[in-house]
Amino acid sequence: MRGTNLRNYDFSGLDLTDADFSFSNLRKANFTGSILHRANFNCANLTGASLENADLTDANLNFCGLQGANLTGATLLGVSMSFTSGGRNVNPPKRPAEKITLTTLLQKPVWGVFIGSLLGALLIYGSNAIIYFSHLISKDSDPVLSGFYRFLIAQNVSDGAAVFLLAWSLSGWLSRRFSAVWMRHLVLSACVVVIFFIISTGLYLAIGKPYIDELQRRPENIATSAPWYVYAIGNLLIANMFLYVLNQGRQLTRKMSEQEFQLLNLEKLKTRAELDALQAKINPHFLYNALNSIASLVHTDAEKAEEMTILLSKLFRYSTGREGSLFASLGDELEMVQTYLQVEQVRFGNRLMFSVEVSDPALTELQLPQFLLQPIVENAIKHGIAKRADEGRIDVRIYQKTRDAGPDELHLCVHDNGPVFPDDMSGGYGLRSIQEKLKLLYNDDARVELQNWPVKQVLLVIRMERLK
C-alpha cells in the first residue's frame, strides 16, 4: 500500500504486521485496535487518523503528519517518531510523566508570582475572617448575631468548595469542547453564577432566614452590606483562576510527556546503535579466524576446505539475514553455535568433540540477543582447546534454574577442558562485548561469570521474567 490514497479507509481490528504505508495519504483513516507491528508509515499523512488502542510496537512513524491523530491507549514500545508532528493523547510507555503540583506552578517566573501572591492574600484574608467570626460566635451573647455569623461562615465555605469542584470537574470537558480560551471561561462563569444563586438561596432558606428577619427588625444592628453581585464577582474570579491553574497544569503535563517520549526514543536509538556497533565488531573478528582456518586447509585437504567454506557461508547467511533485528530465538542461536563448532571440527579433527544440550525444548523459543554464545564458544576454542595436545571438549548446556527465594533464571553454560582461567583474567574483546550487550539490554538482571570450580565454564545468567 506504499504511496496510495487511503483517506478515510477503515483498517480497524486488522492484523497489519510489516505493512508498508510509506508516502501514503491516510488522513482520517481508522486503525482502532489494529496490530501494526513494524508497520512502515514513513512520510505518511496521518492527520486526524484514529490509532486508538492500536499496537504500534517497533513501527516507523518518521516524518509523519500526526496533527489531530488520536493515539489514546496505543502501544508505542519501540516506535520511531523522528521529525514527526505530535498527535493528541499520546501515552508514552515506561516512564510516567512528572506530577504537576502547586509547587511546580509557583516556580514559573511571572504567573507563578502572581498566582502565589493572590493565593496568599486570599488564604490570609479568609483565615482571618474565619477566626474573627468564630471569635464573635464564641464571645457574643446575642444568639441572633451568633446564628447570623454561622450562616455567613457556612455560605462562604460552601461557595469556596463548590467553585473549586466546579472548575475541577469541568476543566477537562471545557478544554475538549471549546478551542477558544475565552469561551471556556465564559461558560464556567455562567455555571458559577447559577451555583452561587442555588447555594445562597438554599442556605438562606435552611439556616439564615430566621436570623436575618430578626436583624431586619433591629436596624441599628445591621451594617451596610455590599450588593450581591460584588460577592458573585469574587466567586467568578476564584473559579476562573482555578480553571487557569488546572489548564496550565495539564499543558505542562502534556509537554513533559512528549519530552519524556522523545528522550525514551533517543535512548532506544542510542542503545540500538551501540548494540549494532558491538555486533559489527564481532563479525569481522570471527571471519578473520575462520578464513585463516580455511587458508591452512586449502593445500593440505581440499575436501575439508570445501566443507568448511559451505559451513561458513551458512553462518554468514544467519548473520546477514537478520534484517536489523537485534534478537533471535535461542534455537536459532544454538543452531548457529553448532554450525560454528562444525567449522572448527573440520580444522581440529579428532582433537575437538562437542555437545549442545537444552533441558527443556520450550526454552528454544526464548528471544535472546544475537551472537550471544558464539564469541564465548570461539574463546573456548582459541584459549582452551587450541592449547591442548590431546582431545578437547566443549559442552554447551542451557537450563532454567528455579529458586526458592528469588526470580527464576536462564543459565547458558559453555564448558571446555582447556587450561583454567587465570585469577586476574578480565576477558578479551568477545567476552567484554557480551558483558556490554547484557548491560545495555538487561541492566542488573543479567551477569557473566567465569568459573574454574567445580568445572571450568563461562556462565551467562539472565532473569527469566526479562525474556518473557
Protein backbone atom coordinates (compact mmCIF):
# COMPACT_ATOMS: atom_id res chain seq x y z
CA MET A 1 0.00 0.00 0.00
CA ARG A 2 3.01 2.23 -0.48
CA GLY A 3 2.24 5.69 -1.92
CA THR A 4 -1.53 5.12 -2.15
CA ASN A 5 -4.52 7.29 -1.29
CA LEU A 6 -6.31 5.62 1.64
CA ARG A 7 -8.06 8.62 3.07
CA ASN A 8 -10.93 7.71 5.46
CA TYR A 9 -10.19 4.00 4.95
CA ASP A 10 -11.27 1.65 7.78
CA PHE A 11 -8.46 -0.67 8.98
CA SER A 12 -9.93 -1.20 12.46
CA GLY A 13 -9.12 -4.53 14.10
CA LEU A 14 -6.90 -5.80 11.25
CA ASP A 15 -3.53 -7.51 11.61
CA LEU A 16 -1.22 -5.27 9.56
CA THR A 17 2.13 -6.58 10.76
CA ASP A 18 5.00 -5.37 8.49
CA ALA A 19 2.58 -3.39 6.29
CA ASP A 20 4.15 -0.61 4.20
CA PHE A 21 2.13 2.65 4.21
CA SER A 22 5.07 4.92 3.39
CA PHE A 23 4.25 8.09 1.41
CA SER A 24 0.52 7.25 1.62
CA ASN A 25 -2.38 9.60 2.33
CA LEU A 26 -4.04 8.15 5.45
CA ARG A 27 -5.87 11.28 6.53
CA LYS A 28 -8.68 10.35 8.97
CA ALA A 29 -8.03 6.63 8.43
CA ASN A 30 -9.32 4.34 11.18
CA PHE A 31 -6.71 2.00 12.73
CA THR A 32 -8.58 1.49 16.01
CA GLY A 33 -7.46 -1.76 17.65
CA SER A 34 -5.23 -2.74 14.71
CA ILE A 35 -1.98 -4.71 15.04
CA LEU A 36 0.75 -2.65 13.38
CA HIS A 37 3.95 -4.41 14.46
CA ARG A 38 6.89 -3.00 12.47
CA ALA A 39 4.50 -1.17 10.13
CA ASN A 40 6.21 1.45 7.97
CA PHE A 41 4.41 4.84 7.89
CA ASN A 42 7.47 6.79 6.75
CA CYS A 43 6.40 10.19 5.30
CA ALA A 44 2.70 9.22 5.52
CA ASN A 45 -0.06 11.75 6.23
CA LEU A 46 -1.91 10.58 9.35
CA THR A 47 -3.67 13.86 10.10
CA GLY A 48 -6.83 13.15 12.07
CA ALA A 49 -6.29 9.38 11.93
CA SER A 50 -7.54 7.19 14.77
CA LEU A 51 -4.84 4.91 16.23
CA GLU A 52 -6.72 4.35 19.47
CA ASN A 53 -5.70 1.10 21.24
CA ALA A 54 -3.55 0.13 18.23
CA ASP A 55 -0.39 -1.93 18.77
CA LEU A 56 2.42 0.08 17.13
CA THR A 57 5.33 -1.91 18.54
CA ASP A 58 8.54 -1.11 16.55
CA ALA A 59 6.53 0.84 13.94
CA ASN A 60 8.22 3.54 11.85
CA LEU A 61 6.43 6.91 12.09
CA ASN A 62 9.35 9.06 10.91
CA PHE A 63 8.42 12.27 9.08
CA CYS A 64 4.69 11.60 9.54
CA GLY A 65 1.99 14.24 9.97
CA LEU A 66 0.02 13.36 13.10
CA GLN A 67 -1.85 16.60 13.68
CA GLY A 68 -5.12 15.74 15.43
CA ALA A 69 -4.37 11.99 15.38
CA ASN A 70 -5.78 10.04 18.31
CA LEU A 71 -3.18 7.77 19.97
CA THR A 72 -5.14 7.13 23.16
CA GLY A 73 -4.26 3.71 24.61
CA ALA A 74 -1.87 2.89 21.76
CA THR A 75 1.15 0.65 22.45
CA LEU A 76 4.19 2.69 21.41
CA LEU A 77 7.04 0.47 22.57
CA GLY A 78 10.00 0.85 20.23
CA VAL A 79 8.20 3.30 17.91
CA SER A 80 10.44 5.60 15.87
CA MET A 81 8.95 9.11 15.55
CA SER A 82 11.83 11.29 14.37
CA PHE A 83 10.70 14.59 12.79
CA THR A 84 7.06 13.70 13.40
CA SER A 85 4.38 16.17 14.42
CA GLY A 86 2.62 15.32 17.67
CA GLY A 87 -0.77 13.66 17.93
CA ARG A 88 -3.19 14.13 20.81
CA ASN A 89 -3.47 11.86 23.80
CA VAL A 90 -0.09 10.23 23.20
CA ASN A 91 0.59 7.79 26.02
CA PRO A 92 4.36 7.20 26.16
CA PRO A 93 5.48 3.85 27.53
CA LYS A 94 7.65 3.04 30.51
CA ARG A 95 8.29 6.33 32.31
CA PRO A 96 5.39 8.23 33.92
CA ALA A 97 5.38 12.00 33.49
CA GLU A 98 6.37 14.11 36.45
CA LYS A 99 3.37 15.08 38.55
CA ILE A 100 2.29 18.70 38.29
CA THR A 101 1.84 20.22 41.72
CA LEU A 102 1.22 23.70 43.04
CA THR A 103 4.94 23.80 43.82
CA THR A 104 5.93 23.41 40.15
CA LEU A 105 3.39 26.02 39.07
CA LEU A 106 4.57 28.56 41.64
CA GLN A 107 8.12 28.25 40.27
CA LYS A 108 7.08 29.88 36.98
CA PRO A 109 8.69 33.34 36.88
CA VAL A 110 5.71 35.61 36.10
CA TRP A 111 2.46 33.72 36.53
CA GLY A 112 3.87 31.77 39.44
CA VAL A 113 4.49 35.01 41.37
CA PHE A 114 1.02 36.32 40.51
CA ILE A 115 -0.77 33.10 41.47
CA GLY A 116 1.24 32.77 44.68
CA SER A 117 0.56 36.35 45.72
CA LEU A 118 -3.17 36.04 45.02
CA LEU A 119 -3.46 32.70 46.82
CA GLY A 120 -1.52 34.08 49.79
CA ALA A 121 -3.77 37.13 50.06
CA LEU A 122 -6.95 35.08 49.79
CA LEU A 123 -5.80 32.46 52.28
CA ILE A 124 -4.69 35.02 54.88
CA TYR A 125 -7.82 37.13 54.40
CA GLY A 126 -10.08 34.09 54.51
CA SER A 127 -8.42 32.52 57.53
CA ASN A 128 -8.54 35.82 59.43
CA ALA A 129 -12.23 36.21 58.57
CA ILE A 130 -12.95 32.70 59.88
CA ILE A 131 -11.02 33.42 63.08
CA TYR A 132 -12.83 36.74 63.52
CA PHE A 133 -16.33 35.33 63.06
CA SER A 134 -15.54 32.24 65.13
CA HIS A 135 -14.40 34.51 67.95
CA LEU A 136 -17.60 36.55 67.69
CA ILE A 137 -19.70 33.38 67.81
CA SER A 138 -17.94 32.17 70.95
CA LYS A 139 -17.98 35.54 72.72
CA ASP A 140 -21.22 37.15 71.53
CA SER A 141 -24.07 36.70 73.95
CA ASP A 142 -26.65 37.59 71.30
CA PRO A 143 -27.94 34.28 69.80
CA VAL A 144 -29.30 36.06 66.74
CA LEU A 145 -25.92 37.53 65.81
CA SER A 146 -24.20 34.22 66.55
CA GLY A 147 -26.62 32.42 64.25
CA PHE A 148 -26.12 35.06 61.55
CA TYR A 149 -22.34 34.64 61.75
CA ARG A 150 -22.69 30.85 61.46
CA PHE A 151 -24.79 31.38 58.34
CA LEU A 152 -22.08 33.61 56.81
CA ILE A 153 -19.35 31.05 57.53
CA ALA A 154 -21.41 28.19 56.08
CA GLN A 155 -22.21 30.22 52.97
CA ASN A 156 -18.60 31.22 52.26
CA VAL A 157 -17.16 27.76 52.93
CA SER A 158 -19.81 26.18 50.67
CA ASP A 159 -19.19 28.74 47.93
CA GLY A 160 -15.43 28.14 48.04
CA ALA A 161 -15.72 24.35 47.87
CA ALA A 162 -18.36 24.48 45.13
CA VAL A 163 -16.32 26.90 43.00
CA PHE A 164 -13.24 24.65 43.09
CA LEU A 165 -15.17 21.43 42.46
CA LEU A 166 -16.99 23.06 39.54
CA ALA A 167 -13.76 24.30 37.92
CA TRP A 168 -12.02 20.96 38.54
CA SER A 169 -14.87 18.82 37.14
CA LEU A 170 -15.46 21.00 34.06
CA SER A 171 -11.85 21.80 33.11
CA GLY A 172 -11.29 18.67 31.01
CA TRP A 173 -14.64 18.89 29.23
CA LEU A 174 -14.20 22.61 28.53
CA SER A 175 -10.76 22.00 27.01
CA ARG A 176 -12.14 19.32 24.67
CA ARG A 177 -15.35 21.17 23.82
CA PHE A 178 -14.05 24.71 23.20
CA SER A 179 -10.82 25.60 21.43
CA ALA A 180 -11.11 29.31 22.32
CA VAL A 181 -9.91 30.06 25.85
CA TRP A 182 -12.40 32.91 26.36
CA MET A 183 -15.29 30.54 25.64
CA ARG A 184 -14.14 28.16 28.37
CA HIS A 185 -14.03 30.97 30.93
CA LEU A 186 -17.38 32.36 29.78
CA VAL A 187 -19.15 29.00 30.16
CA LEU A 188 -17.55 28.42 33.56
CA SER A 189 -18.59 31.90 34.71
CA ALA A 190 -22.21 31.23 33.76
CA CYS A 191 -22.15 27.96 35.71
CA VAL A 192 -20.60 29.70 38.73
CA VAL A 193 -23.36 32.35 38.78
CA VAL A 194 -26.04 29.64 38.73
CA ILE A 195 -24.31 27.66 41.51
CA PHE A 196 -23.86 30.86 43.55
CA PHE A 197 -27.60 31.60 43.49
CA ILE A 198 -28.50 27.99 44.26
CA ILE A 199 -26.17 27.77 47.28
CA SER A 200 -27.01 31.23 48.61
CA THR A 201 -30.75 30.69 48.28
CA GLY A 202 -30.60 27.21 49.76
CA LEU A 203 -28.55 28.22 52.80
CA TYR A 204 -30.64 31.36 53.30
CA LEU A 205 -33.83 29.30 53.48
CA ALA A 206 -32.26 26.49 55.53
CA ILE A 207 -30.18 28.49 58.04
CA GLY A 208 -30.08 32.25 57.63
CA LYS A 209 -33.70 33.43 57.13
CA PRO A 210 -34.79 33.48 60.82
CA TYR A 211 -31.69 35.42 61.90
CA ILE A 212 -31.81 37.89 59.01
CA ASP A 213 -35.52 38.55 59.55
CA GLU A 214 -34.88 39.19 63.22
CA LEU A 215 -31.94 41.50 62.47
CA GLN A 216 -34.04 43.45 59.98
CA ARG A 217 -36.35 44.30 62.82
CA ARG A 218 -33.32 45.76 64.60
CA PRO A 219 -31.91 48.16 62.02
CA GLU A 220 -29.44 49.64 64.47
CA ASN A 221 -27.51 46.32 64.36
CA ILE A 222 -27.47 45.94 60.60
CA ALA A 223 -24.29 47.08 58.90
CA THR A 224 -24.47 48.27 55.32
CA SER A 225 -23.57 45.32 53.08
CA ALA A 226 -22.13 45.32 49.54
CA PRO A 227 -24.52 44.46 46.68
CA TRP A 228 -24.94 40.75 45.89
CA TYR A 229 -23.08 40.99 42.56
CA VAL A 230 -19.90 42.09 44.32
CA TYR A 231 -19.82 38.75 46.14
CA ALA A 232 -20.63 36.96 42.88
CA ILE A 233 -17.67 38.70 41.19
CA GLY A 234 -15.38 37.28 43.88
CA ASN A 235 -16.63 33.77 43.12
CA LEU A 236 -16.11 34.34 39.40
CA LEU A 237 -12.53 35.50 39.90
CA ILE A 238 -11.66 32.50 42.06
CA ALA A 239 -13.31 29.99 39.69
CA ASN A 240 -11.52 31.36 36.63
CA MET A 241 -8.22 31.39 38.48
CA PHE A 242 -8.72 27.71 39.33
CA LEU A 243 -9.54 26.96 35.68
CA TYR A 244 -6.38 28.70 34.54
CA VAL A 245 -4.21 26.82 37.04
CA LEU A 246 -5.74 23.46 36.06
CA ASN A 247 -5.24 24.15 32.34
CA GLN A 248 -1.64 25.23 32.92
CA GLY A 249 -1.00 22.01 34.84
CA ARG A 250 -2.49 19.93 32.02
CA GLN A 251 -0.37 21.70 29.40
CA LEU A 252 2.79 21.22 31.45
CA THR A 253 1.97 17.53 31.89
CA ARG A 254 1.47 17.12 28.16
CA LYS A 255 4.74 18.91 27.38
CA MET A 256 6.62 16.78 29.88
CA SER A 257 5.05 13.61 28.49
CA GLU A 258 6.12 14.50 24.95
CA GLN A 259 9.65 15.32 26.13
CA GLU A 260 9.82 12.06 28.09
CA PHE A 261 8.72 10.16 24.99
CA GLN A 262 11.33 11.85 22.83
CA LEU A 263 14.03 11.06 25.41
CA LEU A 264 12.93 7.43 25.53
CA ASN A 265 13.08 7.21 21.75
CA LEU A 266 16.56 8.76 21.72
CA GLU A 267 17.71 6.31 24.40
CA LYS A 268 16.33 3.41 22.36
CA LEU A 269 18.11 4.61 19.21
CA LYS A 270 21.33 5.10 21.17
CA THR A 271 21.10 1.59 22.62
CA ARG A 272 20.40 0.09 19.18
CA ALA A 273 23.39 1.94 17.71
CA GLU A 274 25.65 0.68 20.49
CA LEU A 275 24.44 -2.90 20.05
CA ASP A 276 24.89 -2.71 16.28
CA ALA A 277 28.41 -1.44 16.85
CA LEU A 278 29.18 -4.40 19.12
CA GLN A 279 27.72 -6.80 16.56
CA ALA A 280 29.73 -5.27 13.71
CA LYS A 281 32.94 -5.78 15.68
CA ILE A 282 32.22 -9.44 16.48
CA ASN A 283 31.56 -10.50 12.90
CA PRO A 284 34.92 -9.41 11.37
CA HIS A 285 36.75 -10.96 14.32
CA PHE A 286 35.09 -14.32 13.65
CA LEU A 287 35.59 -14.01 9.89
CA TYR A 288 39.31 -13.43 10.35
CA ASN A 289 39.71 -16.63 12.38
CA ALA A 290 37.55 -18.73 10.04
CA LEU A 291 39.34 -17.58 6.86
CA ASN A 292 42.70 -18.36 8.44
CA SER A 293 41.44 -21.88 9.11
CA ILE A 294 40.29 -22.32 5.51
CA ALA A 295 43.61 -20.96 4.19
CA SER A 296 45.51 -23.53 6.24
CA LEU A 297 43.47 -26.38 4.71
CA VAL A 298 43.34 -25.35 1.04
CA HIS A 299 46.65 -27.00 0.07
CA THR A 300 46.54 -29.91 2.52
CA ASP A 301 42.90 -31.09 2.44
CA ALA A 302 40.73 -29.59 -0.29
CA GLU A 303 37.60 -31.52 0.77
CA LYS A 304 37.77 -30.21 4.29
CA ALA A 305 38.38 -26.70 2.96
CA GLU A 306 35.26 -27.02 0.78
CA GLU A 307 33.20 -28.36 3.69
CA MET A 308 34.40 -25.55 5.89
CA THR A 309 33.57 -22.93 3.23
CA ILE A 310 29.98 -24.26 2.94
CA LEU A 311 29.56 -24.18 6.71
CA LEU A 312 30.98 -20.66 6.81
CA SER A 313 28.50 -19.49 4.16
CA LYS A 314 25.70 -20.94 6.29
CA LEU A 315 26.95 -18.95 9.25
CA PHE A 316 27.01 -15.72 7.30
CA ARG A 317 23.52 -16.28 5.93
CA TYR A 318 22.46 -16.30 9.57
CA SER A 319 24.42 -13.13 10.29
CA THR A 320 23.46 -11.07 7.24
CA GLY A 321 19.84 -12.24 7.22
CA ARG A 322 18.96 -10.59 10.49
CA GLU A 323 17.43 -7.52 8.73
CA GLY A 324 18.26 -5.11 11.53
CA SER A 325 16.91 -7.31 14.30
CA LEU A 326 18.96 -7.47 17.47
CA PHE A 327 17.28 -10.62 18.75
CA ALA A 328 16.87 -14.22 17.65
CA SER A 329 15.36 -17.32 19.19
CA LEU A 330 17.57 -19.46 21.40
CA GLY A 331 17.01 -22.30 18.93
CA ASP A 332 18.48 -20.23 16.10
CA GLU A 333 21.44 -19.21 18.27
CA LEU A 334 22.19 -22.83 19.17
CA GLU A 335 21.98 -23.88 15.51
CA MET A 336 24.47 -21.14 14.69
CA VAL A 337 26.79 -22.33 17.51
CA GLN A 338 26.60 -25.92 16.26
CA THR A 339 27.48 -24.78 12.74
CA TYR A 340 30.42 -22.81 14.11
CA LEU A 341 31.64 -25.83 16.08
CA GLN A 342 31.36 -27.97 12.93
CA VAL A 343 33.55 -25.42 11.13
CA GLU A 344 36.17 -25.72 13.82
CA GLN A 345 35.82 -29.50 13.98
CA VAL A 346 36.87 -29.66 10.34
CA ARG A 347 40.05 -27.85 11.31
CA PHE A 348 40.80 -29.72 14.55
CA GLY A 349 39.54 -33.15 13.54
CA ASN A 350 39.53 -35.66 16.42
CA ARG A 351 41.02 -33.08 18.74
CA LEU A 352 37.60 -31.42 19.13
CA MET A 353 34.42 -33.02 20.48
CA PHE A 354 31.34 -31.04 21.40
CA SER A 355 27.74 -31.32 22.62
CA VAL A 356 24.80 -28.91 22.80
CA GLU A 357 22.04 -29.67 25.30
CA VAL A 358 18.81 -27.88 26.25
CA SER A 359 16.99 -29.11 29.35
CA ASP A 360 13.54 -28.05 28.09
CA PRO A 361 12.68 -27.72 24.36
CA ALA A 362 10.34 -24.84 25.25
CA LEU A 363 13.39 -22.72 26.11
CA THR A 364 14.43 -22.67 22.44
CA GLU A 365 11.56 -20.23 21.75
CA LEU A 366 13.01 -17.56 24.06
CA GLN A 367 14.30 -14.42 22.34
CA LEU A 368 17.94 -13.60 23.08
CA PRO A 369 20.44 -11.06 21.68
CA GLN A 370 22.05 -12.37 18.52
CA PHE A 371 25.62 -13.73 18.71
CA LEU A 372 25.45 -14.09 22.48
CA LEU A 373 27.01 -17.56 22.67
CA GLN A 374 29.26 -17.68 19.59
CA PRO A 375 32.02 -15.36 20.95
CA ILE A 376 32.19 -17.44 24.15
CA VAL A 377 32.50 -20.69 22.17
CA GLU A 378 35.14 -19.05 19.98
CA ASN A 379 37.13 -18.07 23.09
CA ALA A 380 36.81 -21.63 24.45
CA ILE A 381 38.46 -22.96 21.28
CA LYS A 382 41.09 -20.24 21.00
CA HIS A 383 42.19 -20.19 24.66
CA GLY A 384 41.20 -23.72 25.67
CA ILE A 385 41.07 -26.43 23.00
CA ALA A 386 43.82 -24.96 20.81
CA LYS A 387 46.25 -25.21 23.74
CA ARG A 388 45.68 -28.93 24.31
CA ALA A 389 47.73 -31.60 22.55
CA ASP A 390 45.14 -34.29 23.20
CA GLU A 391 41.37 -34.42 22.82
CA GLY A 392 39.48 -31.27 23.71
CA ARG A 393 35.81 -31.00 24.56
CA ILE A 394 33.27 -28.20 24.58
CA ASP A 395 29.83 -28.63 26.13
CA VAL A 396 27.06 -26.05 25.78
CA ARG A 397 24.26 -26.50 28.31
CA ILE A 398 21.06 -24.44 28.60
CA TYR A 399 18.67 -24.81 31.51
CA GLN A 400 16.26 -22.89 33.69
CA LYS A 401 17.16 -22.60 37.36
CA THR A 402 14.25 -22.27 39.77
CA ARG A 403 15.00 -20.61 43.09
CA ASP A 404 13.02 -20.98 46.32
CA ALA A 405 13.70 -17.34 47.12
CA GLY A 406 14.22 -15.04 44.18
CA PRO A 407 13.35 -14.99 40.48
CA ASP A 408 13.86 -17.89 38.06
CA GLU A 409 16.96 -17.61 35.87
CA LEU A 410 18.08 -18.84 32.47
CA HIS A 411 21.59 -20.33 32.64
CA LEU A 412 23.71 -20.57 29.49
CA CYS A 413 26.91 -22.52 30.19
CA VAL A 414 29.90 -23.02 27.90
CA HIS A 415 32.35 -25.58 29.36
CA ASP A 416 35.73 -26.58 27.94
CA ASN A 417 38.52 -28.79 29.27
CA GLY A 418 41.33 -26.41 28.40
CA PRO A 419 43.59 -24.54 30.85
CA VAL A 420 41.74 -22.86 33.73
CA PHE A 421 41.06 -19.14 33.77
CA PRO A 422 43.81 -17.11 35.43
CA ASP A 423 42.80 -15.28 38.60
CA ASP A 424 43.38 -11.85 37.04
CA MET A 425 41.55 -12.60 33.78
CA SER A 426 39.19 -9.83 32.69
CA GLY A 427 38.31 -11.29 29.28
CA GLY A 428 39.15 -10.34 25.73
CA TYR A 429 37.04 -8.28 23.36
CA GLY A 430 34.48 -11.05 22.72
CA LEU A 431 33.72 -11.52 26.41
CA ARG A 432 33.65 -7.78 27.09
CA SER A 433 31.24 -7.29 24.21
CA ILE A 434 28.89 -9.86 25.75
CA GLN A 435 29.06 -8.08 29.10
CA GLU A 436 28.35 -4.71 27.48
CA LYS A 437 25.47 -6.13 25.44
CA LEU A 438 23.82 -7.68 28.50
CA LYS A 439 24.31 -4.45 30.45
CA LEU A 440 22.67 -2.37 27.72
CA LEU A 441 19.68 -4.69 27.41
CA TYR A 442 19.07 -6.03 30.91
CA ASN A 443 20.99 -3.76 33.31
CA ASP A 444 21.42 -5.66 36.60
CA ASP A 445 19.10 -8.52 35.58
CA ALA A 446 21.91 -10.36 33.75
CA ARG A 447 25.52 -11.23 34.55
CA VAL A 448 28.59 -13.08 33.25
CA GLU A 449 30.59 -15.43 35.49
CA LEU A 450 33.95 -17.10 34.87
CA GLN A 451 34.19 -20.31 36.90
CA ASN A 452 37.03 -22.80 37.43
CA TRP A 453 35.22 -24.93 40.02
CA PRO A 454 33.60 -27.46 40.03
CA VAL A 455 34.20 -27.28 36.26
CA LYS A 456 35.73 -24.65 34.03
CA GLN A 457 32.95 -22.73 32.30
CA VAL A 458 31.62 -19.34 31.29
CA LEU A 459 28.15 -18.86 32.72
CA LEU A 460 25.60 -16.32 31.43
CA VAL A 461 22.64 -15.72 33.76
CA ILE A 462 19.52 -13.80 32.72
CA ARG A 463 16.33 -13.37 34.74
CA MET A 464 13.53 -15.29 33.06
CA GLU A 465 10.97 -12.54 33.51
CA ARG A 466 13.10 -10.24 31.30
CA LEU A 467 13.00 -12.83 28.50
CA LYS A 468 9.23 -13.31 28.64
